[in-house]
Amino acid sequence: MKVYLVNMINAFILILLGLWGYWGSETPSLTALIPVLGGIMLLLFVKGVRSGNRAIAHFAVTLTLVLLIGLIKPLSGAFGRADNGAIVRVAIMMVSCAVAMGYFIRSFINVRKERLKIKD
């Protein structure tokens, strides 16, 4: 699968599950919208990632990493509240970000290998 498609899927997962978490909460917090905003930003990067813009791809992978790390606290909070719905939502978002990170890294490695082949 192409890295821009994985980025787009990750963005939609972050948006949809983030909105579900916000609207489904008895006491919604604005911080629950952080994954939504991150997903929107990742959607804005899709065109650049698709066209092979290295700077945009690096911004997207960095944002994905920041979101992955930022979801650790909500996951621990969900475990503390024993909120199974929140645990599942946040875990899915984390897995999605981790998979997207893997695709980005693999893509960067492949591009690097291709550049080295061209030089030889």
PDB file of N, CA and C in Angstrom:
ATOM      1  N   MET A   1       0.846  -1.174   0.000  1.00  0.00           N
ATOM      2  CA  MET A   1       0.000   0.000   0.000  1.00  0.00           C
ATOM      3  C   MET A   1       0.893   1.238   0.000  1.00  0.00           C
ATOM      4  N   LYS A   2       0.469   2.248  -0.699  1.00  0.00           N
ATOM      5  CA  LYS A   2       1.228   3.495  -0.807  1.00  0.00           C
ATOM      6  C   LYS A   2       1.185   4.256   0.518  1.00  0.00           C
ATOM      7  N   VAL A   3       2.282   4.949   0.820  1.00  0.00           N
ATOM      8  CA  VAL A   3       2.397   5.641   2.095  1.00  0.00           C
ATOM      9  C   VAL A   3       1.360   6.768   2.223  1.00  0.00           C
ATOM     10  N   TYR A   4       1.015   7.415   1.132  1.00  0.00           N
ATOM     11  CA  TYR A   4       0.025   8.490   1.233  1.00  0.00           C
ATOM     12  C   TYR A   4      -1.361   7.936   1.577  1.00  0.00           C
ATOM     13  N   LEU A   5      -1.665   6.725   1.100  1.00  0.00           N
ATOM     14  CA  LEU A   5      -2.946   6.107   1.458  1.00  0.00           C
ATOM     15  C   LEU A   5      -2.974   5.719   2.938  1.00  0.00           C
ATOM     16  N   VAL A   6      -1.870   5.196   3.437  1.00  0.00           N
ATOM     17  CA  VAL A   6      -1.784   4.855   4.855  1.00  0.00           C
ATOM     18  C   VAL A   6      -1.917   6.119   5.694  1.00  0.00           C
ATOM     19  N   ASN A   7      -1.287   7.195   5.255  1.00  0.00           N
ATOM     20  CA  ASN A   7      -1.402   8.473   5.955  1.00  0.00           C
ATOM     21  C   ASN A   7      -2.858   8.949   5.967  1.00  0.00           C
ATOM     22  N   MET A   8      -3.538   8.803   4.848  1.00  0.00           N
ATOM     23  CA  MET A   8      -4.932   9.239   4.753  1.00  0.00           C
ATOM     24  C   MET A   8      -5.831   8.383   5.656  1.00  0.00           C
ATOM     25  N   ILE A   9      -5.619   7.086   5.644  1.00  0.00           N
ATOM     26  CA  ILE A   9      -6.413   6.190   6.502  1.00  0.00           C
ATOM     27  C   ILE A   9      -6.166   6.525   7.965  1.00  0.00           C
ATOM     28  N   ASN A  10      -4.909   6.734   8.328  1.00  0.00           N
ATOM     29  CA  ASN A  10      -4.576   7.110   9.699  1.00  0.00           C
ATOM     30  C   ASN A  10      -5.275   8.418  10.078  1.00  0.00           C
ATOM     31  N   ALA A  11      -5.274   9.385   9.177  1.00  0.00           N
ATOM     32  CA  ALA A  11      -5.924  10.672   9.443  1.00  0.00           C
ATOM     33  C   ALA A  11      -7.423  10.478   9.694  1.00  0.00           C
ATOM     34  N   PHE A  12      -8.077   9.679   8.857  1.00  0.00           N
ATOM     35  CA  PHE A  12      -9.518   9.444   9.042  1.00  0.00           C
ATOM     36  C   PHE A  12      -9.807   8.717  10.347  1.00  0.00           C
ATOM     37  N   ILE A  13      -8.957   7.756  10.703  1.00  0.00           N
ATOM     38  CA  ILE A  13      -9.144   7.055  11.973  1.00  0.00           C
ATOM     39  C   ILE A  13      -9.018   8.028  13.136  1.00  0.00           C
ATOM     40  N   LEU A  14      -8.004   8.883  13.099  1.00  0.00           N
ATOM     41  CA  LEU A  14      -7.820   9.866  14.169  1.00  0.00           C
ATOM     42  C   LEU A  14      -9.012  10.812  14.263  1.00  0.00           C
ATOM     43  N   ILE A  15      -9.499  11.265  13.118  1.00  0.00           N
ATOM     44  CA  ILE A  15     -10.633  12.197  13.111  1.00  0.00           C
ATOM     45  C   ILE A  15     -11.894  11.530  13.636  1.00  0.00           C
ATOM     46  N   LEU A  16     -12.216  10.382  13.086  1.00  0.00           N
ATOM     47  CA  LEU A  16     -13.469   9.719  13.460  1.00  0.00           C
ATOM     48  C   LEU A  16     -13.474   9.254  14.907  1.00  0.00           C
ATOM     49  N   LEU A  17     -12.405   8.596  15.331  1.00  0.00           N
ATOM     50  CA  LEU A  17     -12.384   8.107  16.710  1.00  0.00           C
ATOM     51  C   LEU A  17     -12.223   9.249  17.708  1.00  0.00           C
ATOM     52  N   GLY A  18     -11.503  10.294  17.310  1.00  0.00           N
ATOM     53  CA  GLY A  18     -11.392  11.464  18.187  1.00  0.00           C
ATOM     54  C   GLY A  18     -12.739  12.145  18.385  1.00  0.00           C
ATOM     55  N   LEU A  19     -13.498  12.298  17.302  1.00  0.00           N
ATOM     56  CA  LEU A  19     -14.836  12.895  17.427  1.00  0.00           C
ATOM     57  C   LEU A  19     -15.768  11.999  18.235  1.00  0.00           C
ATOM     58  N   TRP A  20     -15.677  10.696  17.998  1.00  0.00           N
ATOM     59  CA  TRP A  20     -16.493   9.755  18.768  1.00  0.00           C
ATOM     60  C   TRP A  20     -16.177   9.871  20.259  1.00  0.00           C
ATOM     61  N   GLY A  21     -14.882   9.945  20.592  1.00  0.00           N
ATOM     62  CA  GLY A  21     -14.483  10.085  21.984  1.00  0.00           C
ATOM     63  C   GLY A  21     -14.969  11.388  22.595  1.00  0.00           C
ATOM     64  N   TYR A  22     -14.935  12.450  21.813  1.00  0.00           N
ATOM     65  CA  TYR A  22     -15.384  13.759  22.326  1.00  0.00           C
ATOM     66  C   TYR A  22     -16.896  13.774  22.518  1.00  0.00           C
ATOM     67  N   TRP A  23     -17.627  13.418  21.474  1.00  0.00           N
ATOM     68  CA  TRP A  23     -19.089  13.490  21.551  1.00  0.00           C
ATOM     69  C   TRP A  23     -19.682  12.384  22.411  1.00  0.00           C
ATOM     70  N   GLY A  24     -18.979  11.274  22.561  1.00  0.00           N
ATOM     71  CA  GLY A  24     -19.494  10.166  23.359  1.00  0.00           C
ATOM     72  C   GLY A  24     -19.192  10.282  24.833  1.00  0.00           C
ATOM     73  N   SER A  25     -18.422  11.275  25.209  1.00  0.00           N
ATOM     74  CA  SER A  25     -18.035  11.431  26.603  1.00  0.00           C
ATOM     75  C   SER A  25     -19.121  12.160  27.395  1.00  0.00           C
ATOM     76  N   GLU A  26     -19.276  11.749  28.645  1.00  0.00           N
ATOM     77  CA  GLU A  26     -20.213  12.444  29.534  1.00  0.00           C
ATOM     78  C   GLU A  26     -19.674  13.814  29.925  1.00  0.00           C
ATOM     79  N   THR A  27     -18.356  13.927  29.984  1.00  0.00           N
ATOM     80  CA  THR A  27     -17.705  15.198  30.312  1.00  0.00           C
ATOM     81  C   THR A  27     -16.638  15.487  29.260  1.00  0.00           C
ATOM     82  N   PRO A  28     -17.053  15.943  28.066  1.00  0.00           N
ATOM     83  CA  PRO A  28     -16.082  16.151  26.992  1.00  0.00           C
ATOM     84  C   PRO A  28     -15.057  17.228  27.338  1.00  0.00           C
ATOM     85  N   SER A  29     -13.836  16.969  26.931  1.00  0.00           N
ATOM     86  CA  SER A  29     -12.745  17.901  27.140  1.00  0.00           C
ATOM     87  C   SER A  29     -12.197  18.308  25.770  1.00  0.00           C
ATOM     88  N   LEU A  30     -11.776  19.542  25.658  1.00  0.00           N
ATOM     89  CA  LEU A  30     -11.222  20.012  24.389  1.00  0.00           C
ATOM     90  C   LEU A  30      -9.954  19.248  23.998  1.00  0.00           C
ATOM     91  N   THR A  31      -9.251  18.705  24.977  1.00  0.00           N
ATOM     92  CA  THR A  31      -8.042  17.947  24.649  1.00  0.00           C
ATOM     93  C   THR A  31      -8.375  16.673  23.874  1.00  0.00           C
ATOM     94  N   ALA A  32      -9.609  16.219  23.962  1.00  0.00           N
ATOM     95  CA  ALA A  32     -10.027  15.043  23.194  1.00  0.00           C
ATOM     96  C   ALA A  32     -10.041  15.347  21.696  1.00  0.00           C
ATOM     97  N   LEU A  33     -10.014  16.620  21.348  1.00  0.00           N
ATOM     98  CA  LEU A  33     -10.027  17.004  19.937  1.00  0.00           C
ATOM     99  C   LEU A  33      -8.625  17.105  19.335  1.00  0.00           C
ATOM    100  N   ILE A  34      -7.599  16.881  20.134  1.00  0.00           N
ATOM    101  CA  ILE A  34      -6.228  16.945  19.614  1.00  0.00           C
ATOM    102  C   ILE A  34      -6.009  15.925  18.495  1.00  0.00           C
ATOM    103  N   PRO A  35      -6.439  14.662  18.657  1.00  0.00           N
ATOM    104  CA  PRO A  35      -6.281  13.726  17.531  1.00  0.00           C
ATOM    105  C   PRO A  35      -7.063  14.163  16.288  1.00  0.00           C
ATOM    106  N   VAL A  36      -8.188  14.816  16.501  1.00  0.00           N
ATOM    107  CA  VAL A  36      -8.980  15.312  15.367  1.00  0.00           C
ATOM    108  C   VAL A  36      -8.190  16.366  14.604  1.00  0.00           C
ATOM    109  N   LEU A  37      -7.620  17.310  15.321  1.00  0.00           N
ATOM    110  CA  LEU A  37      -6.816  18.352  14.673  1.00  0.00           C
ATOM    111  C   LEU A  37      -5.582  17.758  14.007  1.00  0.00           C
ATOM    112  N   GLY A  38      -4.959  16.776  14.674  1.00  0.00           N
ATOM    113  CA  GLY A  38      -3.817  16.105  14.065  1.00  0.00           C
ATOM    114  C   GLY A  38      -4.212  15.382  12.793  1.00  0.00           C
ATOM    115  N   GLY A  39      -5.375  14.730  12.810  1.00  0.00           N
ATOM    116  CA  GLY A  39      -5.861  14.041  11.615  1.00  0.00           C
ATOM    117  C   GLY A  39      -6.137  15.002  10.476  1.00  0.00           C
ATOM    118  N   ILE A  40      -6.696  16.157  10.797  1.00  0.00           N
ATOM    119  CA  ILE A  40      -6.952  17.168   9.760  1.00  0.00           C
ATOM    120  C   ILE A  40      -5.634  17.647   9.162  1.00  0.00           C
ATOM    121  N   MET A  41      -4.637  17.865  10.022  1.00  0.00           N
ATOM    122  CA  MET A  41      -3.325  18.295   9.516  1.00  0.00           C
ATOM    123  C   MET A  41      -2.713  17.215   8.630  1.00  0.00           C
ATOM    124  N   LEU A  42      -2.849  15.949   9.034  1.00  0.00           N
ATOM    125  CA  LEU A  42      -2.315  14.857   8.212  1.00  0.00           C
ATOM    126  C   LEU A  42      -3.021  14.794   6.856  1.00  0.00           C
ATOM    127  N   LEU A  43      -4.317  15.077   6.841  1.00  0.00           N
ATOM    128  CA  LEU A  43      -5.036  15.119   5.560  1.00  0.00           C
ATOM    129  C   LEU A  43      -4.489  16.219   4.656  1.00  0.00           C
ATOM    130  N   LEU A  44      -4.117  17.341   5.264  1.00  0.00           N
ATOM    131  CA  LEU A  44      -3.551  18.435   4.479  1.00  0.00           C
ATOM    132  C   LEU A  44      -2.193  18.060   3.871  1.00  0.00           C
ATOM    133  N   PHE A  45      -1.504  17.096   4.488  1.00  0.00           N
ATOM    134  CA  PHE A  45      -0.194  16.662   4.001  1.00  0.00           C
ATOM    135  C   PHE A  45      -0.283  15.590   2.918  1.00  0.00           C
ATOM    136  N   VAL A  46      -1.461  15.009   2.681  1.00  0.00           N
ATOM    137  CA  VAL A  46      -1.592  13.880   1.753  1.00  0.00           C
ATOM    138  C   VAL A  46      -1.075  14.224   0.363  1.00  0.00           C
ATOM    139  N   LYS A  47      -1.460  15.377  -0.153  1.00  0.00           N
ATOM    140  CA  LYS A  47      -1.051  15.744  -1.514  1.00  0.00           C
ATOM    141  C   LYS A  47       0.478  15.827  -1.626  1.00  0.00           C
ATOM    142  N   GLY A  48       1.106  16.435  -0.641  1.00  0.00           N
ATOM    143  CA  GLY A  48       2.561  16.548  -0.661  1.00  0.00           C
ATOM    144  C   GLY A  48       3.256  15.208  -0.513  1.00  0.00           C
ATOM    145  N   VAL A  49       2.719  14.352   0.356  1.00  0.00           N
ATOM    146  CA  VAL A  49       3.299  13.022   0.525  1.00  0.00           C
ATOM    147  C   VAL A  49       3.149  12.230  -0.768  1.00  0.00           C
ATOM    148  N   ARG A  50       1.987  12.358  -1.401  1.00  0.00           N
ATOM    149  CA  ARG A  50       1.736  11.626  -2.647  1.00  0.00           C
ATOM    150  C   ARG A  50       2.685  12.066  -3.761  1.00  0.00           C
ATOM    151  N   SER A  51       2.991  13.355  -3.807  1.00  0.00           N
ATOM    152  CA  SER A  51       3.868  13.865  -4.861  1.00  0.00           C
ATOM    153  C   SER A  51       5.347  13.637  -4.554  1.00  0.00           C
ATOM    154  N   GLY A  52       5.640  13.095  -3.377  1.00  0.00           N
ATOM    155  CA  GLY A  52       7.028  12.791  -3.042  1.00  0.00           C
ATOM    156  C   GLY A  52       7.790  13.938  -2.419  1.00  0.00           C
ATOM    157  N   ASN A  53       7.097  14.944  -1.921  1.00  0.00           N
ATOM    158  CA  ASN A  53       7.747  16.074  -1.266  1.00  0.00           C
ATOM    159  C   ASN A  53       8.344  15.591   0.060  1.00  0.00           C
ATOM    160  N   ARG A  54       9.668  15.574   0.131  1.00  0.00           N
ATOM    161  CA  ARG A  54      10.343  15.030   1.315  1.00  0.00           C
ATOM    162  C   ARG A  54      10.064  15.839   2.567  1.00  0.00           C
ATOM    163  N   ALA A  55      10.028  17.146   2.458  1.00  0.00           N
ATOM    164  CA  ALA A  55       9.792  17.983   3.634  1.00  0.00           C
ATOM    165  C   ALA A  55       8.412  17.708   4.223  1.00  0.00           C
ATOM    166  N   ILE A  56       7.412  17.643   3.376  1.00  0.00           N
ATOM    167  CA  ILE A  56       6.057  17.381   3.856  1.00  0.00           C
ATOM    168  C   ILE A  56       5.967  15.980   4.438  1.00  0.00           C
ATOM    169  N   ALA A  57       6.614  15.011   3.808  1.00  0.00           N
ATOM    170  CA  ALA A  57       6.611  13.650   4.345  1.00  0.00           C
ATOM    171  C   ALA A  57       7.261  13.620   5.726  1.00  0.00           C
ATOM    172  N   HIS A  58       8.320  14.385   5.913  1.00  0.00           N
ATOM    173  CA  HIS A  58       8.966  14.426   7.223  1.00  0.00           C
ATOM    174  C   HIS A  58       8.086  15.140   8.256  1.00  0.00           C
ATOM    175  N   PHE A  59       7.380  16.186   7.842  1.00  0.00           N
ATOM    176  CA  PHE A  59       6.420  16.823   8.758  1.00  0.00           C
ATOM    177  C   PHE A  59       5.334  15.831   9.153  1.00  0.00           C
ATOM    178  N   ALA A  60       4.835  15.084   8.184  1.00  0.00           N
ATOM    179  CA  ALA A  60       3.756  14.125   8.451  1.00  0.00           C
ATOM    180  C   ALA A  60       4.226  13.028   9.397  1.00  0.00           C
ATOM    181  N   VAL A  61       5.411  12.493   9.183  1.00  0.00           N
ATOM    182  CA  VAL A  61       5.901  11.430  10.056  1.00  0.00           C
ATOM    183  C   VAL A  61       6.189  11.964  11.460  1.00  0.00           C
ATOM    184  N   THR A  62       6.671  13.189  11.539  1.00  0.00           N
ATOM    185  CA  THR A  62       6.924  13.797  12.850  1.00  0.00           C
ATOM    186  C   THR A  62       5.619  14.026  13.601  1.00  0.00           C
ATOM    187  N   LEU A  63       4.611  14.540  12.915  1.00  0.00           N
ATOM    188  CA  LEU A  63       3.306  14.738  13.538  1.00  0.00           C
ATOM    189  C   LEU A  63       2.711  13.398  13.982  1.00  0.00           C
ATOM    190  N   THR A  64       2.874  12.378  13.159  1.00  0.00           N
ATOM    191  CA  THR A  64       2.367  11.053  13.511  1.00  0.00           C
ATOM    192  C   THR A  64       3.047  10.545  14.774  1.00  0.00           C
ATOM    193  N   LEU A  65       4.356  10.747  14.872  1.00  0.00           N
ATOM    194  CA  LEU A  65       5.086  10.325  16.075  1.00  0.00           C
ATOM    195  C   LEU A  65       4.624  11.109  17.299  1.00  0.00           C
ATOM    196  N   VAL A  66       4.443  12.403  17.152  1.00  0.00           N
ATOM    197  CA  VAL A  66       3.981  13.235  18.268  1.00  0.00           C
ATOM    198  C   VAL A  66       2.590  12.771  18.729  1.00  0.00           C
ATOM    199  N   LEU A  67       1.711  12.475  17.776  1.00  0.00           N
ATOM    200  CA  LEU A  67       0.379  11.989  18.134  1.00  0.00           C
ATOM    201  C   LEU A  67       0.460  10.637  18.834  1.00  0.00           C
ATOM    202  N   LEU A  68       1.305   9.756  18.348  1.00  0.00           N
ATOM    203  CA  LEU A  68       1.469   8.440  18.968  1.00  0.00           C
ATOM    204  C   LEU A  68       1.929   8.588  20.414  1.00  0.00           C
ATOM    205  N   ILE A  69       2.924   9.413  20.634  1.00  0.00           N
ATOM    206  CA  ILE A  69       3.421   9.639  21.995  1.00  0.00           C
ATOM    207  C   ILE A  69       2.359  10.342  22.843  1.00  0.00           C
ATOM    208  N   GLY A  70       1.663  11.305  22.237  1.00  0.00           N
ATOM    209  CA  GLY A  70       0.633  12.047  22.966  1.00  0.00           C
ATOM    210  C   GLY A  70      -0.562  11.203  23.368  1.00  0.00           C
ATOM    211  N   LEU A  71      -0.773  10.081  22.727  1.00  0.00           N
ATOM    212  CA  LEU A  71      -1.906   9.214  23.064  1.00  0.00           C
ATOM    213  C   LEU A  71      -1.614   8.285  24.232  1.00  0.00           C
ATOM    214  N   ILE A  72      -0.376   8.281  24.714  1.00  0.00           N
ATOM    215  CA  ILE A  72      -0.031   7.422  25.850  1.00  0.00           C
ATOM    216  C   ILE A  72      -0.802   7.846  27.097  1.00  0.00           C
ATOM    217  N   LYS A  73      -0.837   9.131  27.380  1.00  0.00           N
ATOM    218  CA  LYS A  73      -1.518   9.632  28.575  1.00  0.00           C
ATOM    219  C   LYS A  73      -3.027   9.347  28.537  1.00  0.00           C
ATOM    220  N   PRO A  74      -3.717   9.617  27.428  1.00  0.00           N
ATOM    221  CA  PRO A  74      -5.140   9.264  27.388  1.00  0.00           C
ATOM    222  C   PRO A  74      -5.386   7.761  27.569  1.00  0.00           C
ATOM    223  N   LEU A  75      -4.474   6.939  27.065  1.00  0.00           N
ATOM    224  CA  LEU A  75      -4.643   5.498  27.246  1.00  0.00           C
ATOM    225  C   LEU A  75      -4.502   5.119  28.711  1.00  0.00           C
ATOM    226  N   SER A  76      -3.509   5.680  29.380  1.00  0.00           N
ATOM    227  CA  SER A  76      -3.345   5.371  30.809  1.00  0.00           C
ATOM    228  C   SER A  76      -4.520   5.909  31.619  1.00  0.00           C
ATOM    229  N   GLY A  77      -5.045   7.079  31.226  1.00  0.00           N
ATOM    230  CA  GLY A  77      -6.230   7.613  31.902  1.00  0.00           C
ATOM    231  C   GLY A  77      -7.455   6.737  31.695  1.00  0.00           C
ATOM    232  N   ALA A  78      -7.608   6.203  30.487  1.00  0.00           N
ATOM    233  CA  ALA A  78      -8.733   5.317  30.204  1.00  0.00           C
ATOM    234  C   ALA A  78      -8.627   4.038  31.026  1.00  0.00           C
ATOM    235  N   PHE A  79      -7.399   3.514  31.183  1.00  0.00           N
ATOM    236  CA  PHE A  79      -7.204   2.336  32.031  1.00  0.00           C
ATOM    237  C   PHE A  79      -7.545   2.676  33.477  1.00  0.00           C
ATOM    238  N   GLY A  80      -7.147   3.867  33.932  1.00  0.00           N
ATOM    239  CA  GLY A  80      -7.433   4.293  35.298  1.00  0.00           C
ATOM    240  C   GLY A  80      -8.928   4.406  35.579  1.00  0.00           C
ATOM    241  N   ARG A  81      -9.686   4.820  34.586  1.00  0.00           N
ATOM    242  CA  ARG A  81     -11.145   4.939  34.737  1.00  0.00           C
ATOM    243  C   ARG A  81     -11.860   3.626  34.427  1.00  0.00           C
ATOM    244  N   ALA A  82     -11.118   2.649  33.951  1.00  0.00           N
ATOM    245  CA  ALA A  82     -11.678   1.364  33.499  1.00  0.00           C
ATOM    246  C   ALA A  82     -12.746   1.601  32.432  1.00  0.00           C
ATOM    247  N   ASP A  83     -12.461   2.540  31.538  1.00  0.00           N
ATOM    248  CA  ASP A  83     -13.379   2.896  30.448  1.00  0.00           C
ATOM    249  C   ASP A  83     -12.993   2.082  29.213  1.00  0.00           C
ATOM    250  N   ASN A  84     -13.652   0.957  29.039  1.00  0.00           N
ATOM    251  CA  ASN A  84     -13.298   0.048  27.944  1.00  0.00           C
ATOM    252  C   ASN A  84     -13.450   0.691  26.571  1.00  0.00           C
ATOM    253  N   GLY A  85     -14.473   1.503  26.381  1.00  0.00           N
ATOM    254  CA  GLY A  85     -14.664   2.179  25.096  1.00  0.00           C
ATOM    255  C   GLY A  85     -13.501   3.088  24.772  1.00  0.00           C
ATOM    256  N   ALA A  86     -13.072   3.859  25.752  1.00  0.00           N
ATOM    257  CA  ALA A  86     -11.942   4.775  25.543  1.00  0.00           C
ATOM    258  C   ALA A  86     -10.646   3.994  25.318  1.00  0.00           C
ATOM    259  N   ILE A  87     -10.475   2.894  26.044  1.00  0.00           N
ATOM    260  CA  ILE A  87      -9.277   2.075  25.871  1.00  0.00           C
ATOM    261  C   ILE A  87      -9.198   1.581  24.427  1.00  0.00           C
ATOM    262  N   VAL A  88     -10.311   1.074  23.911  1.00  0.00           N
ATOM    263  CA  VAL A  88     -10.336   0.550  22.538  1.00  0.00           C
ATOM    264  C   VAL A  88     -10.088   1.663  21.531  1.00  0.00           C
ATOM    265  N   ARG A  89     -10.766   2.808  21.700  1.00  0.00           N
ATOM    266  CA  ARG A  89     -10.596   3.927  20.765  1.00  0.00           C
ATOM    267  C   ARG A  89      -9.148   4.413  20.719  1.00  0.00           C
ATOM    268  N   VAL A  90      -8.578   4.652  21.891  1.00  0.00           N
ATOM    269  CA  VAL A  90      -7.214   5.182  21.945  1.00  0.00           C
ATOM    270  C   VAL A  90      -6.216   4.131  21.446  1.00  0.00           C
ATOM    271  N   ALA A  91      -6.439   2.873  21.791  1.00  0.00           N
ATOM    272  CA  ALA A  91      -5.538   1.819  21.322  1.00  0.00           C
ATOM    273  C   ALA A  91      -5.571   1.713  19.796  1.00  0.00           C
ATOM    274  N   ILE A  92      -6.752   1.828  19.208  1.00  0.00           N
ATOM    275  CA  ILE A  92      -6.858   1.781  17.741  1.00  0.00           C
ATOM    276  C   ILE A  92      -6.116   2.966  17.126  1.00  0.00           C
ATOM    277  N   MET A  93      -6.271   4.147  17.709  1.00  0.00           N
ATOM    278  CA  MET A  93      -5.558   5.313  17.188  1.00  0.00           C
ATOM    279  C   MET A  93      -4.047   5.126  17.300  1.00  0.00           C
ATOM    280  N   MET A  94      -3.588   4.536  18.406  1.00  0.00           N
ATOM    281  CA  MET A  94      -2.162   4.315  18.594  1.00  0.00           C
ATOM    282  C   MET A  94      -1.629   3.288  17.598  1.00  0.00           C
ATOM    283  N   VAL A  95      -2.365   2.213  17.397  1.00  0.00           N
ATOM    284  CA  VAL A  95      -1.940   1.193  16.427  1.00  0.00           C
ATOM    285  C   VAL A  95      -1.900   1.803  15.027  1.00  0.00           C
ATOM    286  N   SER A  96      -2.905   2.601  14.706  1.00  0.00           N
ATOM    287  CA  SER A  96      -2.952   3.252  13.397  1.00  0.00           C
ATOM    288  C   SER A  96      -1.733   4.154  13.194  1.00  0.00           C
ATOM    289  N   CYS A  97      -1.397   4.928  14.198  1.00  0.00           N
ATOM    290  CA  CYS A  97      -0.217   5.803  14.106  1.00  0.00           C
ATOM    291  C   CYS A  97       1.066   4.981  13.999  1.00  0.00           C
ATOM    292  N   ALA A  98       1.155   3.889  14.749  1.00  0.00           N
ATOM    293  CA  ALA A  98       2.353   3.053  14.699  1.00  0.00           C
ATOM    294  C   ALA A  98       2.513   2.405  13.318  1.00  0.00           C
ATOM    295  N   VAL A  99       1.413   1.942  12.743  1.00  0.00           N
ATOM    296  CA  VAL A  99       1.470   1.349  11.408  1.00  0.00           C
ATOM    297  C   VAL A  99       1.882   2.410  10.386  1.00  0.00           C
ATOM    298  N   ALA A 100       1.300   3.596  10.492  1.00  0.00           N
ATOM    299  CA  ALA A 100       1.664   4.682   9.570  1.00  0.00           C
ATOM    300  C   ALA A 100       3.148   5.021   9.714  1.00  0.00           C
ATOM    301  N   MET A 101       3.648   5.049  10.953  1.00  0.00           N
ATOM    302  CA  MET A 101       5.078   5.304  11.174  1.00  0.00           C
ATOM    303  C   MET A 101       5.918   4.249  10.467  1.00  0.00           C
ATOM    304  N   GLY A 102       5.519   3.001  10.585  1.00  0.00           N
ATOM    305  CA  GLY A 102       6.243   1.921   9.929  1.00  0.00           C
ATOM    306  C   GLY A 102       6.282   2.094   8.422  1.00  0.00           C
ATOM    307  N   TYR A 103       5.145   2.468   7.835  1.00  0.00           N
ATOM    308  CA  TYR A 103       5.100   2.692   6.382  1.00  0.00           C
ATOM    309  C   TYR A 103       5.978   3.872   5.977  1.00  0.00           C
ATOM    310  N   PHE A 104       5.939   4.944   6.762  1.00  0.00           N
ATOM    311  CA  PHE A 104       6.790   6.101   6.450  1.00  0.00           C
ATOM    312  C   PHE A 104       8.263   5.710   6.494  1.00  0.00           C
ATOM    313  N   ILE A 105       8.654   5.016   7.541  1.00  0.00           N
ATOM    314  CA  ILE A 105      10.060   4.643   7.694  1.00  0.00           C
ATOM    315  C   ILE A 105      10.491   3.718   6.559  1.00  0.00           C
ATOM    316  N   ARG A 106       9.647   2.735   6.246  1.00  0.00           N
ATOM    317  CA  ARG A 106       9.963   1.829   5.137  1.00  0.00           C
ATOM    318  C   ARG A 106      10.084   2.605   3.819  1.00  0.00           C
ATOM    319  N   SER A 107       9.215   3.586   3.624  1.00  0.00           N
ATOM    320  CA  SER A 107       9.264   4.408   2.423  1.00  0.00           C
ATOM    321  C   SER A 107      10.560   5.200   2.358  1.00  0.00           C
ATOM    322  N   PHE A 108      10.967   5.788   3.493  1.00  0.00           N
ATOM    323  CA  PHE A 108      12.208   6.557   3.529  1.00  0.00           C
ATOM    324  C   PHE A 108      13.402   5.658   3.211  1.00  0.00           C
ATOM    325  N   ILE A 109      13.402   4.452   3.758  1.00  0.00           N
ATOM    326  CA  ILE A 109      14.492   3.513   3.502  1.00  0.00           C
ATOM    327  C   ILE A 109      14.542   3.138   2.024  1.00  0.00           C
ATOM    328  N   ASN A 110      13.372   2.865   1.431  1.00  0.00           N
ATOM    329  CA  ASN A 110      13.324   2.501   0.008  1.00  0.00           C
ATOM    330  C   ASN A 110      13.808   3.632  -0.893  1.00  0.00           C
ATOM    331  N   VAL A 111      13.429   4.855  -0.575  1.00  0.00           N
ATOM    332  CA  VAL A 111      13.881   6.010  -1.373  1.00  0.00           C
ATOM    333  C   VAL A 111      15.392   6.143  -1.264  1.00  0.00           C
ATOM    334  N   ARG A 112      15.897   5.956  -0.068  1.00  0.00           N
ATOM    335  CA  ARG A 112      17.354   6.057   0.139  1.00  0.00           C
ATOM    336  C   ARG A 112      18.093   4.987  -0.672  1.00  0.00           C
ATOM    337  N   LYS A 113      17.566   3.754  -0.646  1.00  0.00           N
ATOM    338  CA  LYS A 113      18.184   2.673  -1.414  1.00  0.00           C
ATOM    339  C   LYS A 113      18.170   2.985  -2.909  1.00  0.00           C
ATOM    340  N   GLU A 114      17.069   3.529  -3.404  1.00  0.00           N
ATOM    341  CA  GLU A 114      16.974   3.872  -4.824  1.00  0.00           C
ATOM    342  C   GLU A 114      17.984   4.948  -5.192  1.00  0.00           C
ATOM    343  N   ARG A 115      18.159   5.930  -4.325  1.00  0.00           N
ATOM    344  CA  ARG A 115      19.144   6.980  -4.588  1.00  0.00           C
ATOM    345  C   ARG A 115      20.552   6.424  -4.635  1.00  0.00           C
ATOM    346  N   LEU A 116      20.842   5.489  -3.751  1.00  0.00           N
ATOM    347  CA  LEU A 116      22.179   4.886  -3.735  1.00  0.00           C
ATOM    348  C   LEU A 116      22.410   4.045  -4.971  1.00  0.00           C
ATOM    349  N   LYS A 117      21.376   3.372  -5.477  1.00  0.00           N
ATOM    350  CA  LYS A 117      21.507   2.584  -6.707  1.00  0.00           C
ATOM    351  C   LYS A 117      21.795   3.481  -7.902  1.00  0.00           C
ATOM    352  N   ILE A 118      21.157   4.628  -7.932  1.00  0.00           N
ATOM    353  CA  ILE A 118      21.349   5.572  -9.046  1.00  0.00           C
ATOM    354  C   ILE A 118      22.787   6.092  -9.062  1.00  0.00           C
ATOM    355  N   LYS A 119      23.348   6.347  -7.889  1.00  0.00           N
ATOM    356  CA  LYS A 119      24.712   6.875  -7.821  1.00  0.00           C
ATOM    357  C   LYS A 119      25.755   5.847  -8.249  1.00  0.00           C
ATOM    358  N   ASP A 120      25.459   4.579  -8.044  1.00  0.00           N
ATOM    359  CA  ASP A 120      26.430   3.518  -8.396  1.00  0.00           C
ATOM    360  C   ASP A 120      26.506   3.247  -9.840  1.00  0.00           C
TER     361      ASP A 120
END
